[in-house]
Amino acid sequence: MATSSKIKKNNPVKSEKPSSFSPAQIKKFIEEVKVEFLKIVWPDKKMTLGLTGVVVVLTIVISIYLGSVDLLLGKLVASFLR
């Protein structure tokens, strides 16, 4: 029978990484954000206005639909409760 012996491992000294809140890390983060912002392709004014119009129209149409369904179901439930 083999006896198990504990093997002592040499643990190297852990290298401490700098804090995420150190000024150097914050500066690096801000520089990376600036680089990423330069990669953004923004839509032109015509496209933005067109898409905004679509959102507004769809919002109005869906709110009218949901309001009418709510009104109809409310009257239906009220008639059953009388």
N, C-alpha and C. Protein backbone atom coordinates (compact mmCIF):
# COMPACT_ATOMS: atom_id res chain seq x y z
N MET A 1 0.82 -1.15 0.00
CA MET A 1 0.00 0.00 0.00
C MET A 1 0.87 1.24 0.00
N ALA A 2 0.51 2.12 -0.88
CA ALA A 2 1.31 3.34 -0.98
C ALA A 2 0.74 4.38 -0.04
N THR A 3 1.62 4.99 0.66
CA THR A 3 1.16 6.06 1.55
C THR A 3 1.20 7.37 0.77
N SER A 4 0.18 8.14 0.97
CA SER A 4 0.15 9.41 0.25
C SER A 4 0.85 10.46 1.10
N SER A 5 1.67 11.17 0.47
CA SER A 5 2.35 12.26 1.17
C SER A 5 1.99 13.55 0.47
N LYS A 6 1.88 14.54 1.28
CA LYS A 6 1.54 15.83 0.71
C LYS A 6 2.75 16.41 0.01
N ILE A 7 2.50 16.81 -1.21
CA ILE A 7 3.58 17.43 -1.97
C ILE A 7 3.46 18.93 -1.79
N LYS A 8 4.52 19.48 -1.33
CA LYS A 8 4.52 20.91 -1.09
C LYS A 8 4.78 21.61 -2.42
N LYS A 9 3.82 22.45 -2.80
CA LYS A 9 3.96 23.18 -4.06
C LYS A 9 4.59 24.53 -3.77
N ASN A 10 5.44 24.91 -4.66
CA ASN A 10 6.03 26.24 -4.55
C ASN A 10 5.05 27.24 -5.15
N ASN A 11 4.45 28.05 -4.31
CA ASN A 11 3.54 29.08 -4.78
C ASN A 11 4.33 30.33 -5.09
N PRO A 12 4.34 30.70 -6.38
CA PRO A 12 5.05 31.94 -6.70
C PRO A 12 4.29 33.11 -6.11
N VAL A 13 5.00 34.16 -5.87
CA VAL A 13 4.38 35.34 -5.30
C VAL A 13 3.39 35.88 -6.32
N LYS A 14 2.16 36.09 -5.87
CA LYS A 14 1.13 36.58 -6.79
C LYS A 14 1.46 38.02 -7.18
N SER A 15 1.39 38.25 -8.48
CA SER A 15 1.61 39.62 -8.91
C SER A 15 0.29 40.35 -8.76
N GLU A 16 0.33 41.42 -8.03
CA GLU A 16 -0.89 42.18 -7.78
C GLU A 16 -1.19 43.05 -8.99
N LYS A 17 -2.44 42.93 -9.48
CA LYS A 17 -2.80 43.78 -10.60
C LYS A 17 -3.29 45.11 -10.04
N PRO A 18 -3.09 46.16 -10.81
CA PRO A 18 -3.47 47.48 -10.31
C PRO A 18 -4.98 47.59 -10.11
N SER A 19 -5.37 48.42 -9.21
CA SER A 19 -6.77 48.64 -8.92
C SER A 19 -7.47 49.24 -10.13
N SER A 20 -8.74 48.85 -10.32
CA SER A 20 -9.52 49.38 -11.44
C SER A 20 -9.80 50.85 -11.27
N PHE A 21 -9.67 51.35 -10.06
CA PHE A 21 -9.98 52.74 -9.78
C PHE A 21 -8.74 53.62 -9.68
N SER A 22 -7.61 53.08 -10.09
CA SER A 22 -6.40 53.91 -10.06
C SER A 22 -6.48 54.93 -11.20
N PRO A 23 -5.85 56.07 -11.03
CA PRO A 23 -5.91 57.10 -12.07
C PRO A 23 -5.40 56.61 -13.43
N ALA A 24 -4.40 55.75 -13.43
CA ALA A 24 -3.87 55.25 -14.70
C ALA A 24 -4.89 54.37 -15.41
N GLN A 25 -5.62 53.54 -14.65
CA GLN A 25 -6.63 52.67 -15.25
C GLN A 25 -7.83 53.48 -15.74
N ILE A 26 -8.20 54.51 -15.02
CA ILE A 26 -9.31 55.37 -15.44
C ILE A 26 -8.94 56.10 -16.72
N LYS A 27 -7.71 56.60 -16.80
CA LYS A 27 -7.26 57.30 -18.00
C LYS A 27 -7.24 56.35 -19.19
N LYS A 28 -6.79 55.11 -18.98
CA LYS A 28 -6.76 54.12 -20.05
C LYS A 28 -8.18 53.82 -20.53
N PHE A 29 -9.12 53.69 -19.61
CA PHE A 29 -10.51 53.41 -19.96
C PHE A 29 -11.09 54.54 -20.80
N ILE A 30 -10.85 55.79 -20.39
CA ILE A 30 -11.39 56.94 -21.12
C ILE A 30 -10.81 57.00 -22.53
N GLU A 31 -9.52 56.71 -22.67
CA GLU A 31 -8.90 56.70 -24.00
C GLU A 31 -9.50 55.61 -24.88
N GLU A 32 -9.79 54.44 -24.31
CA GLU A 32 -10.41 53.36 -25.08
C GLU A 32 -11.83 53.72 -25.50
N VAL A 33 -12.56 54.43 -24.63
CA VAL A 33 -13.91 54.87 -24.97
C VAL A 33 -13.86 55.86 -26.13
N LYS A 34 -12.91 56.79 -26.10
CA LYS A 34 -12.77 57.75 -27.19
C LYS A 34 -12.49 57.05 -28.52
N VAL A 35 -11.64 56.04 -28.49
CA VAL A 35 -11.32 55.29 -29.71
C VAL A 35 -12.57 54.60 -30.25
N GLU A 36 -13.36 54.01 -29.37
CA GLU A 36 -14.58 53.32 -29.80
C GLU A 36 -15.61 54.30 -30.33
N PHE A 37 -15.71 55.49 -29.74
CA PHE A 37 -16.67 56.49 -30.23
C PHE A 37 -16.32 56.95 -31.63
N LEU A 38 -15.04 56.95 -31.97
CA LEU A 38 -14.64 57.36 -33.32
C LEU A 38 -15.06 56.33 -34.36
N LYS A 39 -15.34 55.10 -33.95
CA LYS A 39 -15.75 54.04 -34.88
C LYS A 39 -17.25 54.07 -35.18
N ILE A 40 -18.02 54.86 -34.44
CA ILE A 40 -19.47 54.89 -34.61
C ILE A 40 -19.82 55.63 -35.91
N VAL A 41 -20.75 55.04 -36.65
CA VAL A 41 -21.26 55.69 -37.85
C VAL A 41 -22.65 56.21 -37.51
N TRP A 42 -22.78 57.53 -37.38
CA TRP A 42 -24.04 58.14 -36.99
C TRP A 42 -24.90 58.35 -38.22
N PRO A 43 -26.23 58.14 -38.11
CA PRO A 43 -27.10 58.38 -39.26
C PRO A 43 -27.23 59.88 -39.54
N ASP A 44 -27.55 60.18 -40.80
CA ASP A 44 -27.72 61.60 -41.13
C ASP A 44 -29.07 62.11 -40.63
N LYS A 45 -29.29 63.41 -40.78
CA LYS A 45 -30.48 64.06 -40.22
C LYS A 45 -31.76 63.51 -40.84
N LYS A 46 -31.75 63.27 -42.15
CA LYS A 46 -32.94 62.79 -42.85
C LYS A 46 -33.35 61.41 -42.33
N MET A 47 -32.39 60.53 -42.16
CA MET A 47 -32.66 59.18 -41.66
C MET A 47 -33.18 59.23 -40.22
N THR A 48 -32.58 60.08 -39.41
CA THR A 48 -33.01 60.21 -38.01
C THR A 48 -34.44 60.71 -37.92
N LEU A 49 -34.80 61.72 -38.70
CA LEU A 49 -36.16 62.24 -38.69
C LEU A 49 -37.15 61.20 -39.21
N GLY A 50 -36.77 60.46 -40.23
CA GLY A 50 -37.65 59.43 -40.78
C GLY A 50 -37.92 58.33 -39.77
N LEU A 51 -36.88 57.86 -39.12
CA LEU A 51 -37.06 56.79 -38.13
C LEU A 51 -37.82 57.29 -36.90
N THR A 52 -37.62 58.55 -36.52
CA THR A 52 -38.36 59.12 -35.41
C THR A 52 -39.84 59.20 -35.76
N GLY A 53 -40.15 59.57 -36.98
CA GLY A 53 -41.53 59.60 -37.44
C GLY A 53 -42.19 58.24 -37.39
N VAL A 54 -41.45 57.21 -37.81
CA VAL A 54 -41.98 55.85 -37.76
C VAL A 54 -42.29 55.45 -36.33
N VAL A 55 -41.40 55.76 -35.41
CA VAL A 55 -41.61 55.41 -34.00
C VAL A 55 -42.83 56.13 -33.45
N VAL A 56 -42.98 57.41 -33.75
CA VAL A 56 -44.11 58.18 -33.24
C VAL A 56 -45.42 57.64 -33.80
N VAL A 57 -45.47 57.37 -35.10
CA VAL A 57 -46.70 56.84 -35.72
C VAL A 57 -47.05 55.48 -35.14
N LEU A 58 -46.08 54.59 -35.02
CA LEU A 58 -46.36 53.26 -34.45
C LEU A 58 -46.82 53.36 -33.00
N THR A 59 -46.25 54.28 -32.25
CA THR A 59 -46.66 54.48 -30.87
C THR A 59 -48.12 54.92 -30.79
N ILE A 60 -48.50 55.83 -31.66
CA ILE A 60 -49.89 56.31 -31.68
C ILE A 60 -50.84 55.19 -32.09
N VAL A 61 -50.49 54.45 -33.14
CA VAL A 61 -51.36 53.37 -33.62
C VAL A 61 -51.53 52.29 -32.54
N ILE A 62 -50.45 51.88 -31.93
CA ILE A 62 -50.52 50.83 -30.90
C ILE A 62 -51.28 51.32 -29.68
N SER A 63 -51.10 52.59 -29.30
CA SER A 63 -51.83 53.09 -28.13
C SER A 63 -53.33 53.18 -28.42
N ILE A 64 -53.72 53.56 -29.63
CA ILE A 64 -55.14 53.58 -29.99
C ILE A 64 -55.71 52.16 -29.95
N TYR A 65 -54.97 51.22 -30.50
CA TYR A 65 -55.43 49.82 -30.50
C TYR A 65 -55.59 49.30 -29.07
N LEU A 66 -54.57 49.48 -28.25
CA LEU A 66 -54.65 48.98 -26.87
C LEU A 66 -55.73 49.70 -26.06
N GLY A 67 -55.90 51.00 -26.30
CA GLY A 67 -56.95 51.74 -25.61
C GLY A 67 -58.33 51.24 -25.99
N SER A 68 -58.54 50.95 -27.28
CA SER A 68 -59.85 50.45 -27.71
C SER A 68 -60.11 49.05 -27.18
N VAL A 69 -59.10 48.19 -27.15
CA VAL A 69 -59.27 46.85 -26.59
C VAL A 69 -59.57 46.95 -25.10
N ASP A 70 -58.90 47.83 -24.39
CA ASP A 70 -59.15 48.01 -22.97
C ASP A 70 -60.58 48.51 -22.73
N LEU A 71 -61.02 49.46 -23.52
CA LEU A 71 -62.37 50.00 -23.38
C LEU A 71 -63.41 48.91 -23.66
N LEU A 72 -63.20 48.15 -24.71
CA LEU A 72 -64.13 47.08 -25.08
C LEU A 72 -64.19 46.00 -24.00
N LEU A 73 -63.05 45.56 -23.52
CA LEU A 73 -63.04 44.53 -22.48
C LEU A 73 -63.61 45.05 -21.17
N GLY A 74 -63.37 46.32 -20.88
CA GLY A 74 -63.93 46.92 -19.66
C GLY A 74 -65.45 46.94 -19.71
N LYS A 75 -66.01 47.32 -20.86
CA LYS A 75 -67.48 47.32 -21.01
C LYS A 75 -68.03 45.90 -20.97
N LEU A 76 -67.31 44.95 -21.56
CA LEU A 76 -67.74 43.56 -21.56
C LEU A 76 -67.78 43.01 -20.13
N VAL A 77 -66.75 43.26 -19.37
CA VAL A 77 -66.71 42.78 -17.98
C VAL A 77 -67.77 43.48 -17.14
N ALA A 78 -67.99 44.78 -17.37
CA ALA A 78 -69.02 45.52 -16.62
C ALA A 78 -70.41 44.98 -16.91
N SER A 79 -70.65 44.58 -18.16
CA SER A 79 -71.98 44.03 -18.49
C SER A 79 -72.20 42.67 -17.82
N PHE A 80 -71.13 41.88 -17.65
CA PHE A 80 -71.27 40.60 -16.98
C PHE A 80 -71.49 40.76 -15.48
N LEU A 81 -70.92 41.82 -14.91
CA LEU A 81 -71.04 42.02 -13.45
C LEU A 81 -72.37 42.64 -13.03
N ARG A 82 -73.16 43.15 -13.95
CA ARG A 82 -74.46 43.77 -13.61
C ARG A 82 -75.49 42.76 -13.38
